[in-house]
């Protein structure tokens, strides 16, 4: 299976051919061609030092509307927390992960009736996450 490499200034992801990516002002949008759901990735940088696991978890809770419990997660070279839930007929999965002084806040959303359809594909895509220059 061929994959497309999505490269930003700070990180890379491998996308299956049926997925597209587009750059917004301060985030990257990734979706599948059948328009089931969409991934949004925002990047934050720390001026000095690295993000601690406690900081990552705190930023996740502050930046999220989800009331669910956050659990530890690893995405490629990044580690942090993840949660999932629903709001306004939308199924939401969120990740807040960091490596060094870079933090990524990732949201996948789709209509509640499509919940779970893209989970395996989204997990496979996010597992390929690498800092730029390390793939």
Protein backbone atom coordinates (compact mmCIF):
# COMPACT_ATOMS: atom_id res chain seq x y z
CA UNK A 1 0.00 0.00 0.00
CA UNK A 2 1.39 3.38 -0.92
CA UNK A 3 1.31 6.19 1.59
CA UNK A 4 1.70 9.93 1.30
CA UNK A 5 4.05 11.72 3.68
CA UNK A 6 2.55 14.81 5.29
CA UNK A 7 5.45 17.07 6.31
CA UNK A 8 5.19 20.21 8.39
CA UNK A 9 8.03 22.33 9.71
CA UNK A 10 7.91 20.41 13.01
CA UNK A 11 6.47 16.90 12.43
CA UNK A 12 5.52 14.30 9.81
CA UNK A 13 2.69 11.77 9.39
CA UNK A 14 2.09 9.01 6.86
CA UNK A 15 -1.33 9.23 5.22
CA UNK A 16 -3.06 6.47 3.25
CA UNK A 17 -3.90 7.55 -0.33
CA UNK A 18 -7.61 7.97 0.52
CA UNK A 19 -6.83 10.69 3.09
CA UNK A 20 -6.14 14.37 2.32
CA UNK A 21 -4.47 17.17 4.30
CA UNK A 22 -4.93 20.93 4.26
CA UNK A 23 -3.21 23.71 6.16
CA UNK A 24 -5.35 26.22 8.07
CA UNK A 25 -4.07 29.34 9.82
CA UNK A 26 -2.80 27.66 12.98
CA UNK A 27 -3.63 24.00 12.42
CA UNK A 28 -3.55 21.13 9.93
CA UNK A 29 -6.78 19.43 8.85
CA UNK A 30 -6.71 15.79 7.70
CA UNK A 31 -9.72 13.91 6.38
CA UNK A 32 -10.72 10.85 4.43
CA UNK A 33 -12.21 11.14 0.95
CA UNK A 34 -15.53 9.59 2.05
CA UNK A 35 -15.93 12.55 4.45
CA UNK A 36 -16.72 10.44 7.53
CA UNK A 37 -14.54 12.46 9.89
CA UNK A 38 -11.70 14.93 10.24
CA UNK A 39 -8.47 15.18 12.25
CA UNK A 40 -7.25 18.61 13.35
CA UNK A 41 -3.70 19.07 14.66
CA UNK A 42 -2.43 22.21 16.42
CA UNK A 43 1.21 22.65 17.42
CA UNK A 44 2.43 24.55 20.49
CA UNK A 45 6.03 25.34 21.38
CA UNK A 46 7.55 25.96 24.78
CA UNK A 47 10.04 28.82 24.89
CA UNK A 48 12.40 27.02 27.29
CA UNK A 49 12.70 23.43 28.41
CA UNK A 50 10.49 20.43 27.81
CA UNK A 51 6.83 19.77 28.52
CA UNK A 52 6.43 17.56 31.61
CA UNK A 53 3.75 14.83 31.69
CA UNK A 54 1.89 16.92 34.29
CA UNK A 55 1.91 20.00 32.03
CA UNK A 56 0.64 17.94 29.08
CA UNK A 57 -2.23 16.52 31.16
CA UNK A 58 -3.10 20.00 32.49
CA UNK A 59 -3.15 21.54 29.00
CA UNK A 60 -5.33 18.66 27.79
CA UNK A 61 -7.91 19.21 30.53
CA UNK A 62 -7.91 23.00 30.04
CA UNK A 63 -8.18 22.84 26.25
CA UNK A 64 -10.91 20.20 26.08
CA UNK A 65 -14.66 20.21 26.46
CA UNK A 66 -14.67 16.47 27.11
CA UNK A 67 -15.62 15.42 30.64
CA UNK A 68 -14.17 11.93 30.20
CA UNK A 69 -11.14 10.64 32.03
CA UNK A 70 -7.84 11.13 30.28
CA UNK A 71 -5.56 8.10 29.90
CA UNK A 72 -1.88 7.85 29.02
CA UNK A 73 -1.03 7.33 25.36
CA UNK A 74 1.96 7.10 23.04
CA UNK A 75 1.75 8.28 19.42
CA UNK A 76 4.93 7.49 17.55
CA UNK A 77 7.70 9.48 19.27
CA UNK A 78 5.22 11.52 21.32
CA UNK A 79 3.61 10.75 24.66
CA UNK A 80 0.74 12.30 26.56
CA UNK A 81 -2.94 11.69 27.20
CA UNK A 82 -6.12 10.85 25.27
CA UNK A 83 -9.87 10.98 25.88
CA UNK A 84 -13.05 10.43 23.91
CA UNK A 85 -16.68 11.40 24.22
CA UNK A 86 -19.60 13.06 22.51
CA UNK A 87 -20.88 16.60 22.23
CA UNK A 88 -23.77 17.91 20.11
CA UNK A 89 -24.24 14.76 17.98
CA UNK A 90 -20.50 14.55 17.31
CA UNK A 91 -18.17 11.75 18.42
CA UNK A 92 -14.87 13.29 19.56
CA UNK A 93 -11.45 11.74 20.23
CA UNK A 94 -8.67 13.98 21.57
CA UNK A 95 -4.97 13.57 22.18
CA UNK A 96 -2.54 15.95 23.84
CA UNK A 97 1.00 14.70 23.30
CA UNK A 98 4.48 16.18 23.56
CA UNK A 99 8.09 15.48 22.69
CA UNK A 100 10.61 17.85 24.22
CA UNK A 101 9.40 21.44 23.90
CA UNK A 102 6.75 20.68 21.25
CA UNK A 103 3.15 19.83 22.12
CA UNK A 104 0.48 18.63 19.69
CA UNK A 105 -3.23 18.91 20.41
CA UNK A 106 -5.09 16.51 18.11
CA UNK A 107 -8.85 16.21 17.69
CA UNK A 108 -10.73 13.67 15.57
CA UNK A 109 -14.44 14.29 15.13
CA UNK A 110 -17.28 12.72 13.18
CA UNK A 111 -21.04 12.49 13.43
CA UNK A 112 -22.09 10.23 16.33
CA UNK A 113 -23.71 7.76 13.94
CA UNK A 114 -20.27 7.19 12.33
CA UNK A 115 -18.48 6.70 15.66
CA UNK A 116 -15.79 4.03 15.38
CA UNK A 117 -15.78 3.78 11.57
CA UNK A 118 -12.40 5.52 11.17
CA UNK A 119 -10.88 4.55 14.53
CA UNK A 120 -8.48 1.93 13.13
CA UNK A 121 -7.36 4.23 10.29
CA UNK A 122 -6.93 7.23 12.63
CA UNK A 123 -4.93 5.12 15.10
CA UNK A 124 -2.71 3.82 12.26
CA UNK A 125 -2.12 7.35 10.93
CA UNK A 126 -1.30 8.82 14.34
CA UNK A 127 1.08 5.92 15.11
CA UNK A 128 3.34 7.24 12.30
CA UNK A 129 3.80 10.65 13.97
CA UNK A 130 7.49 11.68 13.96
CA UNK A 131 9.37 14.88 14.65
CA UNK A 132 10.51 16.49 11.36
CA UNK A 133 13.78 14.98 10.18
CA UNK A 134 13.33 11.72 12.16
CA UNK A 135 11.11 9.61 9.88
